[in-house]
Amino acid sequence: MAMSYLHETMTLEQARTFQDEVINIAGQIPSGMVTTYGLIATLAGWPSHARMVGRVLRYTSGAERLPCHRVVNRDGRTAPGWSSHRSLLEKEGVTFKANGHVDMARHLWNPLD
């Protein structure tokens, strides 16, 4: 499994563990809820690696079977260039504010709370 997209400060073992943790956490996000790239990175033990979460979800084989649509940025913005992102969330009952961002006060899944 090539992991060239992971951060250069990680050892191969750390990268594998990070990847496994990201996949595990993303798979736990309940329907109708969202979480953020940054929160997943924090839960995986690498709080400053939010961008790496996006790369894991994009490039890891099998990630397409995960509810990746339940991951948004910290402001509740959906992924640019993913036209069905919002509609997938709306089908699960996720609501959006007037600015087009997910209502994070209502729908943020944080297992640390």
C-alpha atoms as a PDB file:
ATOM      1  CA  MET A   1       0.000   0.000   0.000  1.00  0.00           C
ATOM      2  CA  ALA A   2       1.631   3.241  -1.118  1.00  0.00           C
ATOM      3  CA  MET A   3       1.387   6.047   1.382  1.00  0.00           C
ATOM      4  CA  SER A   4       3.415   8.707  -0.367  1.00  0.00           C
ATOM      5  CA  TYR A   5       0.625  11.203   0.329  1.00  0.00           C
ATOM      6  CA  LEU A   6       1.241  11.059   4.085  1.00  0.00           C
ATOM      7  CA  HIS A   7       3.314  13.579   5.974  1.00  0.00           C
ATOM      8  CA  GLU A   8       7.068  13.331   5.656  1.00  0.00           C
ATOM      9  CA  THR A   9       7.531  13.623   9.433  1.00  0.00           C
ATOM     10  CA  MET A  10       5.785  10.280   9.969  1.00  0.00           C
ATOM     11  CA  THR A  11       7.589   6.988   9.987  1.00  0.00           C
ATOM     12  CA  LEU A  12       6.019   4.269   7.875  1.00  0.00           C
ATOM     13  CA  GLU A  13       4.641   2.643  11.031  1.00  0.00           C
ATOM     14  CA  GLN A  14       3.153   5.944  12.215  1.00  0.00           C
ATOM     15  CA  ALA A  15       1.643   6.521   8.778  1.00  0.00           C
ATOM     16  CA  ARG A  16      -0.004   3.096   8.806  1.00  0.00           C
ATOM     17  CA  THR A  17      -1.359   3.654  12.307  1.00  0.00           C
ATOM     18  CA  PHE A  18      -2.629   7.108  11.349  1.00  0.00           C
ATOM     19  CA  GLN A  19      -4.302   5.736   8.234  1.00  0.00           C
ATOM     20  CA  ASP A  20      -5.956   2.928  10.213  1.00  0.00           C
ATOM     21  CA  GLU A  21      -7.167   5.364  12.866  1.00  0.00           C
ATOM     22  CA  VAL A  22      -8.605   7.776  10.294  1.00  0.00           C
ATOM     23  CA  ILE A  23     -10.477   4.945   8.563  1.00  0.00           C
ATOM     24  CA  ASN A  24     -11.761   3.629  11.897  1.00  0.00           C
ATOM     25  CA  ILE A  25     -12.932   7.045  13.122  1.00  0.00           C
ATOM     26  CA  ALA A  26     -14.580   8.014   9.830  1.00  0.00           C
ATOM     27  CA  GLY A  27     -16.487   4.738   9.864  1.00  0.00           C
ATOM     28  CA  GLN A  28     -18.022   5.601  13.238  1.00  0.00           C
ATOM     29  CA  ILE A  29     -19.634   8.923  12.288  1.00  0.00           C
ATOM     30  CA  PRO A  30     -23.380   8.428  12.770  1.00  0.00           C
ATOM     31  CA  SER A  31     -25.904   9.194  10.074  1.00  0.00           C
ATOM     32  CA  GLY A  32     -27.189  12.745  10.347  1.00  0.00           C
ATOM     33  CA  MET A  33     -23.971  13.945  11.966  1.00  0.00           C
ATOM     34  CA  VAL A  34     -20.680  15.353  10.698  1.00  0.00           C
ATOM     35  CA  THR A  35     -17.207  15.752  12.062  1.00  0.00           C
ATOM     36  CA  THR A  36     -14.194  17.718  10.913  1.00  0.00           C
ATOM     37  CA  TYR A  37     -10.886  16.795   9.364  1.00  0.00           C
ATOM     38  CA  GLY A  38      -9.174  18.436  12.337  1.00  0.00           C
ATOM     39  CA  LEU A  39     -11.141  16.509  14.928  1.00  0.00           C
ATOM     40  CA  ILE A  40     -10.351  13.228  13.187  1.00  0.00           C
ATOM     41  CA  ALA A  41      -6.655  14.185  13.137  1.00  0.00           C
ATOM     42  CA  THR A  42      -6.804  14.965  16.860  1.00  0.00           C
ATOM     43  CA  LEU A  43      -8.562  11.700  17.649  1.00  0.00           C
ATOM     44  CA  ALA A  44      -5.914   9.869  15.605  1.00  0.00           C
ATOM     45  CA  GLY A  45      -3.160  11.459  17.709  1.00  0.00           C
ATOM     46  CA  TRP A  46      -1.875  13.970  15.144  1.00  0.00           C
ATOM     47  CA  PRO A  47      -3.808  17.200  15.872  1.00  0.00           C
ATOM     48  CA  SER A  48      -1.997  19.336  13.307  1.00  0.00           C
ATOM     49  CA  HIS A  49      -2.578  16.933  10.418  1.00  0.00           C
ATOM     50  CA  ALA A  50      -6.115  17.753   9.236  1.00  0.00           C
ATOM     51  CA  ARG A  51      -5.038  17.883   5.596  1.00  0.00           C
ATOM     52  CA  MET A  52      -3.606  14.408   5.922  1.00  0.00           C
ATOM     53  CA  VAL A  53      -7.045  13.146   6.962  1.00  0.00           C
ATOM     54  CA  GLY A  54      -8.428  14.382   3.661  1.00  0.00           C
ATOM     55  CA  ARG A  55      -5.649  12.637   1.794  1.00  0.00           C
ATOM     56  CA  VAL A  56      -6.252   9.355   3.603  1.00  0.00           C
ATOM     57  CA  LEU A  57      -9.963   9.532   2.819  1.00  0.00           C
ATOM     58  CA  ARG A  58      -9.257  10.377  -0.799  1.00  0.00           C
ATOM     59  CA  TYR A  59      -6.421   8.000  -1.620  1.00  0.00           C
ATOM     60  CA  THR A  60      -6.830   4.931   0.576  1.00  0.00           C
ATOM     61  CA  SER A  61      -8.283   1.904  -1.137  1.00  0.00           C
ATOM     62  CA  GLY A  62     -11.587   0.998   0.488  1.00  0.00           C
ATOM     63  CA  ALA A  63     -12.255   4.492   1.828  1.00  0.00           C
ATOM     64  CA  GLU A  64     -14.967   4.895  -0.803  1.00  0.00           C
ATOM     65  CA  ARG A  65     -17.116   2.551   1.301  1.00  0.00           C
ATOM     66  CA  LEU A  66     -16.876   4.904   4.283  1.00  0.00           C
ATOM     67  CA  PRO A  67     -19.307   7.729   5.014  1.00  0.00           C
ATOM     68  CA  CYS A  68     -16.693  10.287   3.917  1.00  0.00           C
ATOM     69  CA  HIS A  69     -19.480  12.724   3.095  1.00  0.00           C
ATOM     70  CA  ARG A  70     -19.886  13.159   6.867  1.00  0.00           C
ATOM     71  CA  VAL A  71     -16.513  14.917   7.081  1.00  0.00           C
ATOM     72  CA  VAL A  72     -16.438  18.690   6.552  1.00  0.00           C
ATOM     73  CA  ASN A  73     -14.029  21.470   7.376  1.00  0.00           C
ATOM     74  CA  ARG A  74     -14.061  23.234  10.742  1.00  0.00           C
ATOM     75  CA  ASP A  75     -16.489  25.877   9.479  1.00  0.00           C
ATOM     76  CA  GLY A  76     -18.928  23.269   8.188  1.00  0.00           C
ATOM     77  CA  ARG A  77     -18.056  23.800   4.538  1.00  0.00           C
ATOM     78  CA  THR A  78     -18.419  20.889   2.177  1.00  0.00           C
ATOM     79  CA  ALA A  79     -15.612  19.806  -0.133  1.00  0.00           C
ATOM     80  CA  PRO A  80     -15.146  22.012  -3.189  1.00  0.00           C
ATOM     81  CA  GLY A  81     -15.565  20.105  -6.405  1.00  0.00           C
ATOM     82  CA  TRP A  82     -17.759  17.428  -4.832  1.00  0.00           C
ATOM     83  CA  SER A  83     -21.158  18.396  -6.196  1.00  0.00           C
ATOM     84  CA  SER A  84     -23.134  15.724  -4.337  1.00  0.00           C
ATOM     85  CA  HIS A  85     -21.549  16.341  -0.913  1.00  0.00           C
ATOM     86  CA  ARG A  86     -24.341  18.610   0.334  1.00  0.00           C
ATOM     87  CA  SER A  87     -27.159  16.470  -1.063  1.00  0.00           C
ATOM     88  CA  LEU A  88     -25.752  13.329   0.590  1.00  0.00           C
ATOM     89  CA  LEU A  89     -25.787  15.112   3.945  1.00  0.00           C
ATOM     90  CA  GLU A  90     -29.262  16.552   3.386  1.00  0.00           C
ATOM     91  CA  LYS A  91     -30.596  13.041   2.678  1.00  0.00           C
ATOM     92  CA  GLU A  92     -29.479  12.153   6.200  1.00  0.00           C
ATOM     93  CA  GLY A  93     -31.223  15.168   7.733  1.00  0.00           C
ATOM     94  CA  VAL A  94     -28.186  17.435   8.085  1.00  0.00           C
ATOM     95  CA  THR A  95     -29.257  21.062   7.935  1.00  0.00           C
ATOM     96  CA  PHE A  96     -27.355  23.993   6.506  1.00  0.00           C
ATOM     97  CA  LYS A  97     -27.206  27.623   7.549  1.00  0.00           C
ATOM     98  CA  ALA A  98     -27.968  30.492   5.173  1.00  0.00           C
ATOM     99  CA  ASN A  99     -24.263  30.771   4.293  1.00  0.00           C
ATOM    100  CA  GLY A 100     -24.287  27.203   2.937  1.00  0.00           C
ATOM    101  CA  HIS A 101     -22.317  25.703   5.817  1.00  0.00           C
ATOM    102  CA  VAL A 102     -23.468  22.746   7.906  1.00  0.00           C
ATOM    103  CA  ASP A 103     -25.179  23.783  11.135  1.00  0.00           C
ATOM    104  CA  MET A 104     -22.300  22.544  13.290  1.00  0.00           C
ATOM    105  CA  ALA A 105     -24.053  23.394  16.567  1.00  0.00           C
ATOM    106  CA  ARG A 106     -26.702  20.846  15.642  1.00  0.00           C
ATOM    107  CA  HIS A 107     -24.809  18.189  13.741  1.00  0.00           C
ATOM    108  CA  LEU A 108     -21.213  18.019  15.025  1.00  0.00           C
ATOM    109  CA  TRP A 109     -20.244  14.520  16.181  1.00  0.00           C
ATOM    110  CA  ASN A 110     -17.495  14.756  18.763  1.00  0.00           C
ATOM    111  CA  PRO A 111     -16.908  11.524  20.668  1.00  0.00           C
ATOM    112  CA  LEU A 112     -14.854  13.515  23.209  1.00  0.00           C
ATOM    113  CA  ASP A 113     -17.932  15.415  24.416  1.00  0.00           C
END
